[in-house]
Amino acid sequence: MTVTVQAGARVSQVIDALRSHGLTLPNLASIAEQQMGGFTQVGAHGTGAKIAPVDHYVTSLKLVTPAKGTIELNEKDDGELFHLA
């Protein structure tokens, strides 16, 4: 299953929206008031050595750039650039 969220959505808002569908995020940090954009970019993680950091679950990104406008990146098509973003 794939869920699309805006970078400015708070983690708590995403969790609340997923809950009504019987879903949740695969990994949570202790602060749920951070925004998803930051949450995925700082290597946030919960507890447990077998649970990947949250950025591991990101499958695509949409970025607005000054030079190229809006670009969409995914691991398959954009490999290194996707991981750098």
N, C-alpha and C. Protein backbone atom coordinates (compact mmCIF):
# COMPACT_ATOMS: atom_id res chain seq x y z
N MET A 1 0.85 -1.17 0.00
CA MET A 1 0.00 0.00 0.00
C MET A 1 0.89 1.23 0.00
N THR A 2 0.48 2.23 -0.72
CA THR A 2 1.19 3.50 -0.78
C THR A 2 0.29 4.61 -0.30
N VAL A 3 0.86 5.51 0.48
CA VAL A 3 0.13 6.67 0.99
C VAL A 3 0.90 7.91 0.56
N THR A 4 0.21 8.90 0.06
CA THR A 4 0.84 10.15 -0.35
C THR A 4 0.47 11.22 0.67
N VAL A 5 1.49 11.91 1.17
CA VAL A 5 1.25 12.99 2.14
C VAL A 5 2.03 14.22 1.74
N GLN A 6 1.59 15.38 2.18
CA GLN A 6 2.32 16.62 1.95
C GLN A 6 3.40 16.77 3.01
N ALA A 7 4.50 17.39 2.64
CA ALA A 7 5.64 17.55 3.54
C ALA A 7 5.26 18.31 4.82
N GLY A 8 4.29 19.21 4.73
CA GLY A 8 3.89 20.01 5.89
C GLY A 8 2.90 19.34 6.82
N ALA A 9 2.40 18.17 6.45
CA ALA A 9 1.46 17.46 7.33
C ALA A 9 2.20 16.97 8.57
N ARG A 10 1.59 17.13 9.72
CA ARG A 10 2.19 16.62 10.95
C ARG A 10 2.05 15.10 11.01
N VAL A 11 3.03 14.46 11.61
CA VAL A 11 3.01 13.00 11.77
C VAL A 11 1.71 12.58 12.45
N SER A 12 1.29 13.31 13.46
CA SER A 12 0.05 12.97 14.19
C SER A 12 -1.17 13.02 13.27
N GLN A 13 -1.21 13.96 12.33
CA GLN A 13 -2.33 14.05 11.39
C GLN A 13 -2.35 12.84 10.46
N VAL A 14 -1.18 12.42 10.02
CA VAL A 14 -1.10 11.26 9.13
C VAL A 14 -1.54 10.00 9.87
N ILE A 15 -1.07 9.84 11.10
CA ILE A 15 -1.46 8.68 11.91
C ILE A 15 -2.97 8.65 12.11
N ASP A 16 -3.55 9.81 12.42
CA ASP A 16 -5.00 9.87 12.63
C ASP A 16 -5.76 9.51 11.36
N ALA A 17 -5.28 9.99 10.20
CA ALA A 17 -5.96 9.68 8.93
C ALA A 17 -5.83 8.20 8.59
N LEU A 18 -4.68 7.61 8.87
CA LEU A 18 -4.47 6.19 8.58
C LEU A 18 -5.29 5.29 9.50
N ARG A 19 -5.43 5.71 10.74
CA ARG A 19 -6.13 4.89 11.75
C ARG A 19 -7.54 4.52 11.31
N SER A 20 -8.23 5.46 10.65
CA SER A 20 -9.61 5.18 10.22
C SER A 20 -9.67 4.09 9.15
N HIS A 21 -8.52 3.73 8.58
CA HIS A 21 -8.44 2.66 7.58
C HIS A 21 -7.75 1.42 8.13
N GLY A 22 -7.55 1.40 9.46
CA GLY A 22 -6.89 0.26 10.09
C GLY A 22 -5.40 0.21 9.81
N LEU A 23 -4.80 1.35 9.50
CA LEU A 23 -3.38 1.42 9.15
C LEU A 23 -2.62 2.32 10.11
N THR A 24 -1.31 2.25 10.06
CA THR A 24 -0.45 3.17 10.77
C THR A 24 0.88 3.25 10.03
N LEU A 25 1.78 4.09 10.49
CA LEU A 25 3.11 4.16 9.91
C LEU A 25 3.93 2.98 10.42
N PRO A 26 4.87 2.48 9.62
CA PRO A 26 5.65 1.31 10.04
C PRO A 26 6.66 1.61 11.14
N ASN A 27 6.93 2.89 11.36
CA ASN A 27 7.94 3.27 12.34
C ASN A 27 7.60 4.66 12.84
N LEU A 28 7.65 4.86 14.13
CA LEU A 28 7.31 6.16 14.71
C LEU A 28 8.42 6.63 15.64
N ALA A 29 8.70 7.91 15.60
CA ALA A 29 9.61 8.52 16.56
C ALA A 29 8.75 8.99 17.74
N SER A 30 9.39 9.48 18.78
CA SER A 30 8.65 9.86 19.99
C SER A 30 7.91 11.18 19.85
N ILE A 31 8.23 11.98 18.86
CA ILE A 31 7.58 13.28 18.68
C ILE A 31 6.68 13.23 17.45
N ALA A 32 5.38 13.26 17.67
CA ALA A 32 4.43 13.12 16.57
C ALA A 32 3.98 14.47 16.02
N GLU A 33 4.47 15.58 16.57
CA GLU A 33 4.06 16.89 16.09
C GLU A 33 5.00 17.45 15.03
N GLN A 34 6.04 16.71 14.68
CA GLN A 34 6.92 17.15 13.61
C GLN A 34 6.24 16.96 12.26
N GLN A 35 6.72 17.68 11.27
CA GLN A 35 6.14 17.59 9.94
C GLN A 35 6.77 16.43 9.18
N MET A 36 6.00 15.85 8.27
CA MET A 36 6.46 14.68 7.53
C MET A 36 7.74 14.95 6.74
N GLY A 37 7.88 16.13 6.15
CA GLY A 37 9.08 16.45 5.39
C GLY A 37 10.33 16.32 6.25
N GLY A 38 10.29 16.88 7.43
CA GLY A 38 11.42 16.78 8.35
C GLY A 38 11.58 15.37 8.90
N PHE A 39 10.48 14.75 9.22
CA PHE A 39 10.47 13.41 9.78
C PHE A 39 11.18 12.41 8.87
N THR A 40 10.98 12.55 7.57
CA THR A 40 11.60 11.62 6.63
C THR A 40 13.04 12.00 6.28
N GLN A 41 13.44 13.24 6.54
CA GLN A 41 14.76 13.69 6.12
C GLN A 41 15.83 13.60 7.19
N VAL A 42 15.46 13.39 8.43
CA VAL A 42 16.45 13.40 9.52
C VAL A 42 16.82 12.00 10.01
N GLY A 43 16.36 10.98 9.32
CA GLY A 43 16.69 9.62 9.75
C GLY A 43 15.93 9.23 11.01
N ALA A 44 14.72 9.77 11.17
CA ALA A 44 13.92 9.47 12.36
C ALA A 44 13.67 7.97 12.46
N HIS A 45 13.61 7.49 13.67
CA HIS A 45 13.40 6.06 13.89
C HIS A 45 12.72 5.85 15.22
N GLY A 46 12.12 4.72 15.36
CA GLY A 46 11.52 4.32 16.62
C GLY A 46 12.50 3.43 17.35
N THR A 47 11.99 2.51 18.09
CA THR A 47 12.88 1.60 18.80
C THR A 47 12.90 0.25 18.12
N GLY A 48 13.97 -0.45 18.29
CA GLY A 48 14.08 -1.79 17.72
C GLY A 48 15.12 -1.85 16.63
N ALA A 49 16.05 -2.73 16.79
CA ALA A 49 17.16 -2.86 15.83
C ALA A 49 16.71 -3.38 14.48
N LYS A 50 15.55 -4.00 14.41
CA LYS A 50 15.09 -4.59 13.15
C LYS A 50 14.13 -3.70 12.39
N ILE A 51 13.90 -2.49 12.88
CA ILE A 51 12.98 -1.56 12.23
C ILE A 51 13.81 -0.48 11.52
N ALA A 52 13.63 -0.36 10.23
CA ALA A 52 14.40 0.62 9.45
C ALA A 52 13.97 2.04 9.79
N PRO A 53 14.89 3.02 9.60
CA PRO A 53 14.51 4.42 9.76
C PRO A 53 13.38 4.76 8.80
N VAL A 54 12.63 5.76 9.12
CA VAL A 54 11.43 6.09 8.36
C VAL A 54 11.72 6.41 6.89
N ASP A 55 12.88 6.98 6.57
CA ASP A 55 13.17 7.31 5.17
C ASP A 55 13.26 6.06 4.29
N HIS A 56 13.48 4.93 4.88
CA HIS A 56 13.53 3.66 4.13
C HIS A 56 12.19 3.35 3.45
N TYR A 57 11.11 3.89 3.99
CA TYR A 57 9.78 3.60 3.47
C TYR A 57 9.30 4.60 2.43
N VAL A 58 10.09 5.64 2.16
CA VAL A 58 9.73 6.63 1.15
C VAL A 58 10.00 6.03 -0.23
N THR A 59 9.00 6.06 -1.10
CA THR A 59 9.16 5.46 -2.43
C THR A 59 9.27 6.49 -3.54
N SER A 60 8.82 7.71 -3.29
CA SER A 60 8.96 8.77 -4.28
C SER A 60 8.87 10.13 -3.58
N LEU A 61 9.41 11.13 -4.24
CA LEU A 61 9.39 12.50 -3.73
C LEU A 61 8.99 13.44 -4.85
N LYS A 62 8.25 14.48 -4.50
CA LYS A 62 7.97 15.55 -5.43
C LYS A 62 8.62 16.80 -4.84
N LEU A 63 9.54 17.39 -5.60
CA LEU A 63 10.28 18.56 -5.14
C LEU A 63 10.01 19.74 -6.04
N VAL A 64 9.95 20.93 -5.45
CA VAL A 64 9.84 22.16 -6.22
C VAL A 64 11.21 22.82 -6.18
N THR A 65 11.80 22.99 -7.35
CA THR A 65 13.16 23.54 -7.44
C THR A 65 13.13 24.88 -8.17
N PRO A 66 14.11 25.75 -7.89
CA PRO A 66 14.13 27.03 -8.60
C PRO A 66 14.52 26.89 -10.08
N ALA A 67 15.35 25.92 -10.42
CA ALA A 67 15.85 25.80 -11.79
C ALA A 67 14.98 24.92 -12.69
N LYS A 68 14.42 23.86 -12.12
CA LYS A 68 13.69 22.89 -12.95
C LYS A 68 12.21 22.80 -12.63
N GLY A 69 11.73 23.67 -11.78
CA GLY A 69 10.33 23.61 -11.40
C GLY A 69 10.05 22.38 -10.55
N THR A 70 8.89 21.80 -10.70
CA THR A 70 8.51 20.62 -9.93
C THR A 70 9.06 19.37 -10.59
N ILE A 71 9.77 18.58 -9.82
CA ILE A 71 10.30 17.31 -10.33
C ILE A 71 9.84 16.18 -9.41
N GLU A 72 9.65 15.03 -9.98
CA GLU A 72 9.30 13.84 -9.20
C GLU A 72 10.44 12.84 -9.30
N LEU A 73 10.84 12.30 -8.16
CA LEU A 73 11.94 11.35 -8.09
C LEU A 73 11.47 10.05 -7.49
N ASN A 74 12.01 8.93 -7.99
CA ASN A 74 11.79 7.65 -7.35
C ASN A 74 13.08 6.85 -7.49
N GLU A 75 13.21 5.82 -6.66
CA GLU A 75 14.45 5.06 -6.62
C GLU A 75 14.76 4.35 -7.95
N LYS A 76 13.75 3.78 -8.56
CA LYS A 76 13.96 3.02 -9.79
C LYS A 76 14.50 3.90 -10.92
N ASP A 77 13.88 5.05 -11.12
CA ASP A 77 14.24 5.90 -12.26
C ASP A 77 15.36 6.89 -11.95
N ASP A 78 15.51 7.27 -10.68
CA ASP A 78 16.42 8.36 -10.34
C ASP A 78 17.52 7.97 -9.35
N GLY A 79 17.58 6.71 -8.98
CA GLY A 79 18.62 6.15 -8.12
C GLY A 79 19.34 7.07 -7.17
N GLU A 80 20.55 7.49 -7.52
CA GLU A 80 21.38 8.28 -6.62
C GLU A 80 20.74 9.62 -6.28
N LEU A 81 20.17 10.30 -7.26
CA LEU A 81 19.53 11.59 -7.00
C LEU A 81 18.38 11.43 -6.01
N PHE A 82 17.61 10.37 -6.13
CA PHE A 82 16.52 10.10 -5.19
C PHE A 82 17.08 9.96 -3.76
N HIS A 83 18.16 9.23 -3.62
CA HIS A 83 18.75 9.03 -2.28
C HIS A 83 19.39 10.30 -1.75
N LEU A 84 19.91 11.13 -2.60
CA LEU A 84 20.48 12.40 -2.17
C LEU A 84 19.40 13.38 -1.72
N ALA A 85 18.23 13.30 -2.34
CA ALA A 85 17.14 14.21 -2.00
C ALA A 85 16.58 13.84 -0.64
